[in-house]
PDB file of N, CA and C in Angstrom:
ATOM      1  N   MET A   1      13.766  18.812  -2.456  1.00  0.00           N
ATOM      2  CA  MET A   1      13.324  17.794  -1.529  1.00  0.00           C
ATOM      3  C   MET A   1      13.756  18.202  -0.129  1.00  0.00           C
ATOM      4  N   SER A   2      12.817  18.209   0.822  1.00  0.00           N
ATOM      5  CA  SER A   2      13.150  18.606   2.181  1.00  0.00           C
ATOM      6  C   SER A   2      13.899  17.480   2.894  1.00  0.00           C
ATOM      7  N   THR A   3      14.435  17.797   4.056  1.00  0.00           N
ATOM      8  CA  THR A   3      15.208  16.790   4.775  1.00  0.00           C
ATOM      9  C   THR A   3      14.320  15.676   5.313  1.00  0.00           C
ATOM     10  N   GLY A   4      13.014  15.916   5.478  1.00  0.00           N
ATOM     11  CA  GLY A   4      12.116  14.892   5.966  1.00  0.00           C
ATOM     12  C   GLY A   4      11.673  13.923   4.893  1.00  0.00           C
ATOM     13  N   GLU A   5      11.930  14.239   3.649  1.00  0.00           N
ATOM     14  CA  GLU A   5      11.517  13.386   2.544  1.00  0.00           C
ATOM     15  C   GLU A   5      12.694  12.540   2.073  1.00  0.00           C
ATOM     16  N   HIS A   6      12.390  11.336   1.603  1.00  0.00           N
ATOM     17  CA  HIS A   6      13.427  10.517   0.995  1.00  0.00           C
ATOM     18  C   HIS A   6      12.815   9.791  -0.174  1.00  0.00           C
ATOM     19  N   GLN A   7      13.624   9.573  -1.155  1.00  0.00           N
ATOM     20  CA  GLN A   7      13.163   8.963  -2.392  1.00  0.00           C
ATOM     21  C   GLN A   7      13.076   7.452  -2.254  1.00  0.00           C
ATOM     22  N   LEU A   8      11.950   6.909  -2.701  1.00  0.00           N
ATOM     23  CA  LEU A   8      11.765   5.468  -2.686  1.00  0.00           C
ATOM     24  C   LEU A   8      12.174   4.921  -4.036  1.00  0.00           C
ATOM     25  N   ALA A   9      12.976   3.887  -4.011  1.00  0.00           N
ATOM     26  CA  ALA A   9      13.445   3.296  -5.260  1.00  0.00           C
ATOM     27  C   ALA A   9      13.262   1.786  -5.201  1.00  0.00           C
ATOM     28  N   VAL A  10      12.853   1.237  -6.322  1.00  0.00           N
ATOM     29  CA  VAL A  10      12.672  -0.199  -6.459  1.00  0.00           C
ATOM     30  C   VAL A  10      13.899  -0.761  -7.167  1.00  0.00           C
ATOM     31  N   PRO A  11      14.493  -1.818  -6.627  1.00  0.00           N
ATOM     32  CA  PRO A  11      15.642  -2.427  -7.310  1.00  0.00           C
ATOM     33  C   PRO A  11      15.281  -2.856  -8.730  1.00  0.00           C
ATOM     34  N   ASP A  12      16.228  -2.719  -9.637  1.00  0.00           N
ATOM     35  CA  ASP A  12      16.006  -3.023 -11.054  1.00  0.00           C
ATOM     36  C   ASP A  12      15.601  -4.473 -11.300  1.00  0.00           C
ATOM     37  N   GLN A  13      16.055  -5.394 -10.447  1.00  0.00           N
ATOM     38  CA  GLN A  13      15.754  -6.801 -10.690  1.00  0.00           C
ATOM     39  C   GLN A  13      14.293  -7.164 -10.393  1.00  0.00           C
ATOM     40  N   LEU A  14      13.550  -6.263  -9.763  1.00  0.00           N
ATOM     41  CA  LEU A  14      12.141  -6.533  -9.488  1.00  0.00           C
ATOM     42  C   LEU A  14      11.297  -6.164 -10.700  1.00  0.00           C
ATOM     43  N   THR A  15      10.670  -7.150 -11.294  1.00  0.00           N
ATOM     44  CA  THR A  15       9.833  -6.898 -12.468  1.00  0.00           C
ATOM     45  C   THR A  15       8.360  -7.161 -12.187  1.00  0.00           C
ATOM     46  N   SER A  16       8.073  -7.986 -11.199  1.00  0.00           N
ATOM     47  CA  SER A  16       6.693  -8.315 -10.848  1.00  0.00           C
ATOM     48  C   SER A  16       6.038  -7.145 -10.123  1.00  0.00           C
ATOM     49  N   PRO A  17       4.825  -6.782 -10.522  1.00  0.00           N
ATOM     50  CA  PRO A  17       4.112  -5.705  -9.816  1.00  0.00           C
ATOM     51  C   PRO A  17       3.905  -6.030  -8.330  1.00  0.00           C
ATOM     52  N   GLN A  18       3.630  -7.304  -8.020  1.00  0.00           N
ATOM     53  CA  GLN A  18       3.446  -7.683  -6.625  1.00  0.00           C
ATOM     54  C   GLN A  18       4.736  -7.537  -5.831  1.00  0.00           C
ATOM     55  N   ALA A  19       5.852  -7.924  -6.417  1.00  0.00           N
ATOM     56  CA  ALA A  19       7.139  -7.800  -5.731  1.00  0.00           C
ATOM     57  C   ALA A  19       7.470  -6.339  -5.465  1.00  0.00           C
ATOM     58  N   LYS A  20       7.217  -5.501  -6.435  1.00  0.00           N
ATOM     59  CA  LYS A  20       7.455  -4.058  -6.252  1.00  0.00           C
ATOM     60  C   LYS A  20       6.575  -3.500  -5.145  1.00  0.00           C
ATOM     61  N   LEU A  21       5.308  -3.904  -5.134  1.00  0.00           N
ATOM     62  CA  LEU A  21       4.358  -3.430  -4.136  1.00  0.00           C
ATOM     63  C   LEU A  21       4.776  -3.860  -2.736  1.00  0.00           C
ATOM     64  N   VAL A  22       5.137  -5.117  -2.570  1.00  0.00           N
ATOM     65  CA  VAL A  22       5.551  -5.620  -1.259  1.00  0.00           C
ATOM     66  C   VAL A  22       6.840  -4.936  -0.816  1.00  0.00           C
ATOM     67  N   TYR A  23       7.801  -4.811  -1.714  1.00  0.00           N
ATOM     68  CA  TYR A  23       9.076  -4.173  -1.376  1.00  0.00           C
ATOM     69  C   TYR A  23       8.873  -2.723  -0.936  1.00  0.00           C
ATOM     70  N   LEU A  24       8.098  -1.973  -1.709  1.00  0.00           N
ATOM     71  CA  LEU A  24       7.850  -0.567  -1.355  1.00  0.00           C
ATOM     72  C   LEU A  24       7.079  -0.451  -0.043  1.00  0.00           C
ATOM     73  N   SER A  25       6.166  -1.361   0.184  1.00  0.00           N
ATOM     74  CA  SER A  25       5.419  -1.342   1.445  1.00  0.00           C
ATOM     75  C   SER A  25       6.348  -1.545   2.631  1.00  0.00           C
ATOM     76  N   LEU A  26       7.300  -2.458   2.490  1.00  0.00           N
ATOM     77  CA  LEU A  26       8.270  -2.672   3.564  1.00  0.00           C
ATOM     78  C   LEU A  26       9.200  -1.476   3.732  1.00  0.00           C
ATOM     79  N   LEU A  27       9.550  -0.827   2.635  1.00  0.00           N
ATOM     80  CA  LEU A  27      10.378   0.382   2.730  1.00  0.00           C
ATOM     81  C   LEU A  27       9.660   1.462   3.517  1.00  0.00           C
ATOM     82  N   VAL A  28       8.384   1.640   3.226  1.00  0.00           N
ATOM     83  CA  VAL A  28       7.603   2.701   3.859  1.00  0.00           C
ATOM     84  C   VAL A  28       7.301   2.391   5.322  1.00  0.00           C
ATOM     85  N   THR A  29       6.928   1.138   5.612  1.00  0.00           N
ATOM     86  CA  THR A  29       6.545   0.789   6.984  1.00  0.00           C
ATOM     87  C   THR A  29       7.737   0.506   7.887  1.00  0.00           C
ATOM     88  N   GLY A  30       8.871   0.183   7.303  1.00  0.00           N
ATOM     89  CA  GLY A  30      10.054  -0.150   8.088  1.00  0.00           C
ATOM     90  C   GLY A  30      10.131  -1.631   8.397  1.00  0.00           C
ATOM     91  N   GLU A  31       9.040  -2.194   8.877  1.00  0.00           N
ATOM     92  CA  GLU A  31       8.928  -3.624   9.097  1.00  0.00           C
ATOM     93  C   GLU A  31       7.451  -3.974   9.159  1.00  0.00           C
ATOM     94  N   ALA A  32       7.139  -5.203   8.834  1.00  0.00           N
ATOM     95  CA  ALA A  32       5.739  -5.629   8.864  1.00  0.00           C
ATOM     96  C   ALA A  32       5.651  -7.136   8.977  1.00  0.00           C
ATOM     97  N   LYS A  33       4.597  -7.596   9.627  1.00  0.00           N
ATOM     98  CA  LYS A  33       4.283  -9.023   9.674  1.00  0.00           C
ATOM     99  C   LYS A  33       3.571  -9.387   8.385  1.00  0.00           C
ATOM    100  N   ALA A  34       3.627 -10.651   8.013  1.00  0.00           N
ATOM    101  CA  ALA A  34       2.947 -11.109   6.804  1.00  0.00           C
ATOM    102  C   ALA A  34       1.457 -10.802   6.876  1.00  0.00           C
ATOM    103  N   ALA A  35       0.850 -11.000   8.036  1.00  0.00           N
ATOM    104  CA  ALA A  35      -0.585 -10.724   8.190  1.00  0.00           C
ATOM    105  C   ALA A  35      -0.891  -9.244   7.966  1.00  0.00           C
ATOM    106  N   ASP A  36       0.014  -8.365   8.410  1.00  0.00           N
ATOM    107  CA  ASP A  36      -0.174  -6.925   8.191  1.00  0.00           C
ATOM    108  C   ASP A  36      -0.101  -6.596   6.706  1.00  0.00           C
ATOM    109  N   LEU A  37       0.870  -7.188   6.014  1.00  0.00           N
ATOM    110  CA  LEU A  37       1.001  -6.946   4.569  1.00  0.00           C
ATOM    111  C   LEU A  37      -0.202  -7.501   3.821  1.00  0.00           C
ATOM    112  N   GLU A  38      -0.675  -8.652   4.247  1.00  0.00           N
ATOM    113  CA  GLU A  38      -1.849  -9.259   3.608  1.00  0.00           C
ATOM    114  C   GLU A  38      -3.046  -8.317   3.704  1.00  0.00           C
ATOM    115  N   GLN A  39      -3.257  -7.770   4.877  1.00  0.00           N
ATOM    116  CA  GLN A  39      -4.376  -6.861   5.089  1.00  0.00           C
ATOM    117  C   GLN A  39      -4.160  -5.530   4.373  1.00  0.00           C
ATOM    118  N   LEU A  40      -2.972  -4.996   4.447  1.00  0.00           N
ATOM    119  CA  LEU A  40      -2.651  -3.711   3.830  1.00  0.00           C
ATOM    120  C   LEU A  40      -2.757  -3.754   2.310  1.00  0.00           C
ATOM    121  N   LEU A  41      -2.237  -4.817   1.715  1.00  0.00           N
ATOM    122  CA  LEU A  41      -2.134  -4.893   0.262  1.00  0.00           C
ATOM    123  C   LEU A  41      -3.271  -5.665  -0.401  1.00  0.00           C
ATOM    124  N   GLY A  42      -3.977  -6.464   0.377  1.00  0.00           N
ATOM    125  CA  GLY A  42      -5.062  -7.254  -0.185  1.00  0.00           C
ATOM    126  C   GLY A  42      -4.597  -8.385  -1.085  1.00  0.00           C
ATOM    127  N   LEU A  43      -3.373  -8.851  -0.859  1.00  0.00           N
ATOM    128  CA  LEU A  43      -2.847  -9.965  -1.642  1.00  0.00           C
ATOM    129  C   LEU A  43      -3.216 -11.277  -0.966  1.00  0.00           C
ATOM    130  N   PRO A  44      -3.524 -12.306  -1.748  1.00  0.00           N
ATOM    131  CA  PRO A  44      -3.768 -13.620  -1.150  1.00  0.00           C
ATOM    132  C   PRO A  44      -2.508 -14.135  -0.450  1.00  0.00           C
ATOM    133  N   LYS A  45      -2.704 -14.920   0.612  1.00  0.00           N
ATOM    134  CA  LYS A  45      -1.565 -15.426   1.393  1.00  0.00           C
ATOM    135  C   LYS A  45      -0.547 -16.161   0.537  1.00  0.00           C
ATOM    136  N   LEU A  46      -1.025 -17.027  -0.343  1.00  0.00           N
ATOM    137  CA  LEU A  46      -0.088 -17.797  -1.173  1.00  0.00           C
ATOM    138  C   LEU A  46       0.765 -16.885  -2.041  1.00  0.00           C
ATOM    139  N   THR A  47       0.157 -15.874  -2.617  1.00  0.00           N
ATOM    140  CA  THR A  47       0.901 -14.912  -3.445  1.00  0.00           C
ATOM    141  C   THR A  47       1.890 -14.151  -2.582  1.00  0.00           C
ATOM    142  N   LEU A  48       1.439 -13.668  -1.449  1.00  0.00           N
ATOM    143  CA  LEU A  48       2.285 -12.873  -0.566  1.00  0.00           C
ATOM    144  C   LEU A  48       3.495 -13.663  -0.093  1.00  0.00           C
ATOM    145  N   PHE A  49       3.276 -14.898   0.363  1.00  0.00           N
ATOM    146  CA  PHE A  49       4.408 -15.694   0.837  1.00  0.00           C
ATOM    147  C   PHE A  49       5.383 -16.034  -0.286  1.00  0.00           C
ATOM    148  N   ALA A  50       4.885 -16.259  -1.486  1.00  0.00           N
ATOM    149  CA  ALA A  50       5.777 -16.509  -2.625  1.00  0.00           C
ATOM    150  C   ALA A  50       6.625 -15.276  -2.922  1.00  0.00           C
ATOM    151  N   VAL A  51       6.014 -14.102  -2.853  1.00  0.00           N
ATOM    152  CA  VAL A  51       6.750 -12.849  -3.104  1.00  0.00           C
ATOM    153  C   VAL A  51       7.776 -12.620  -1.997  1.00  0.00           C
ATOM    154  N   LEU A  52       7.382 -12.801  -0.745  1.00  0.00           N
ATOM    155  CA  LEU A  52       8.319 -12.606   0.363  1.00  0.00           C
ATOM    156  C   LEU A  52       9.502 -13.565   0.261  1.00  0.00           C
ATOM    157  N   GLU A  53       9.229 -14.802  -0.096  1.00  0.00           N
ATOM    158  CA  GLU A  53      10.302 -15.783  -0.262  1.00  0.00           C
ATOM    159  C   GLU A  53      11.248 -15.380  -1.393  1.00  0.00           C
ATOM    160  N   SER A  54      10.686 -14.902  -2.485  1.00  0.00           N
ATOM    161  CA  SER A  54      11.495 -14.461  -3.626  1.00  0.00           C
ATOM    162  C   SER A  54      12.362 -13.260  -3.257  1.00  0.00           C
ATOM    163  N   LEU A  55      11.788 -12.300  -2.560  1.00  0.00           N
ATOM    164  CA  LEU A  55      12.545 -11.113  -2.152  1.00  0.00           C
ATOM    165  C   LEU A  55      13.666 -11.493  -1.177  1.00  0.00           C
ATOM    166  N   ALA A  56      13.382 -12.423  -0.284  1.00  0.00           N
ATOM    167  CA  ALA A  56      14.408 -12.876   0.668  1.00  0.00           C
ATOM    168  C   ALA A  56      15.523 -13.623  -0.053  1.00  0.00           C
ATOM    169  N   ALA A  57      15.167 -14.433  -1.044  1.00  0.00           N
ATOM    170  CA  ALA A  57      16.166 -15.183  -1.807  1.00  0.00           C
ATOM    171  C   ALA A  57      17.093 -14.249  -2.580  1.00  0.00           C
ATOM    172  N   GLN A  58      16.601 -13.075  -2.936  1.00  0.00           N
ATOM    173  CA  GLN A  58      17.410 -12.084  -3.651  1.00  0.00           C
ATOM    174  C   GLN A  58      18.136 -11.144  -2.690  1.00  0.00           C
ATOM    175  N   ASP A  59      18.063 -11.433  -1.386  1.00  0.00           N
ATOM    176  CA  ASP A  59      18.681 -10.613  -0.336  1.00  0.00           C
ATOM    177  C   ASP A  59      18.188  -9.180  -0.331  1.00  0.00           C
ATOM    178  N   LEU A  60      16.922  -8.980  -0.684  1.00  0.00           N
ATOM    179  CA  LEU A  60      16.339  -7.640  -0.663  1.00  0.00           C
ATOM    180  C   LEU A  60      15.593  -7.379   0.638  1.00  0.00           C
ATOM    181  N   ILE A  61      15.096  -8.449   1.248  1.00  0.00           N
ATOM    182  CA  ILE A  61      14.433  -8.337   2.537  1.00  0.00           C
ATOM    183  C   ILE A  61      14.961  -9.431   3.447  1.00  0.00           C
ATOM    184  N   GLN A  62      14.634  -9.291   4.723  1.00  0.00           N
ATOM    185  CA  GLN A  62      15.072 -10.269   5.708  1.00  0.00           C
ATOM    186  C   GLN A  62      13.932 -10.503   6.682  1.00  0.00           C
ATOM    187  N   ARG A  63      13.790 -11.726   7.117  1.00  0.00           N
ATOM    188  CA  ARG A  63      12.798 -12.045   8.138  1.00  0.00           C
ATOM    189  C   ARG A  63      13.470 -11.934   9.492  1.00  0.00           C
ATOM    190  N   THR A  64      12.859 -11.170  10.378  1.00  0.00           N
ATOM    191  CA  THR A  64      13.365 -11.011  11.742  1.00  0.00           C
ATOM    192  C   THR A  64      12.251 -11.425  12.691  1.00  0.00           C
ATOM    193  N   GLY A  65      12.271 -12.651  13.117  1.00  0.00           N
ATOM    194  CA  GLY A  65      11.186 -13.162  13.952  1.00  0.00           C
ATOM    195  C   GLY A  65       9.920 -13.279  13.119  1.00  0.00           C
ATOM    196  N   GLU A  66       8.878 -12.572  13.523  1.00  0.00           N
ATOM    197  CA  GLU A  66       7.610 -12.591  12.790  1.00  0.00           C
ATOM    198  C   GLU A  66       7.535 -11.504  11.729  1.00  0.00           C
ATOM    199  N   CYS A  67       8.497 -10.607  11.695  1.00  0.00           N
ATOM    200  CA  CYS A  67       8.439  -9.456  10.791  1.00  0.00           C
ATOM    201  C   CYS A  67       9.413  -9.593   9.621  1.00  0.00           C
ATOM    202  N   TYR A  68       9.129  -8.816   8.598  1.00  0.00           N
ATOM    203  CA  TYR A  68      10.013  -8.696   7.437  1.00  0.00           C
ATOM    204  C   TYR A  68      10.491  -7.259   7.357  1.00  0.00           C
ATOM    205  N   VAL A  69      11.750  -7.074   6.981  1.00  0.00           N
ATOM    206  CA  VAL A  69      12.344  -5.750   6.825  1.00  0.00           C
ATOM    207  C   VAL A  69      13.189  -5.709   5.558  1.00  0.00           C
ATOM    208  N   CYS A  70      13.354  -4.527   5.005  1.00  0.00           N
ATOM    209  CA  CYS A  70      14.243  -4.357   3.845  1.00  0.00           C
ATOM    210  C   CYS A  70      15.680  -4.401   4.334  1.00  0.00           C
ATOM    211  N   GLN A  71      16.569  -4.901   3.497  1.00  0.00           N
ATOM    212  CA  GLN A  71      17.996  -4.982   3.828  1.00  0.00           C
ATOM    213  C   GLN A  71      18.644  -3.638   3.607  1.00  0.00           C
TER     214      GLN A  71
END
């Protein structure tokens, strides 16, 4: 693995495919607004907000203003 590459890992407690997808998307993008994730992933708003809330409750992500970031 070169120095420019880094391994992406999903926390073991994430079992939902949507949660894994949202978490990995935030890892890759660094930060994103909910609207950006909605467009990028094609998830319905209700699903996306439920996943973001769940990830935040598990202290895996954090909301910073309008954006979400991985902890």
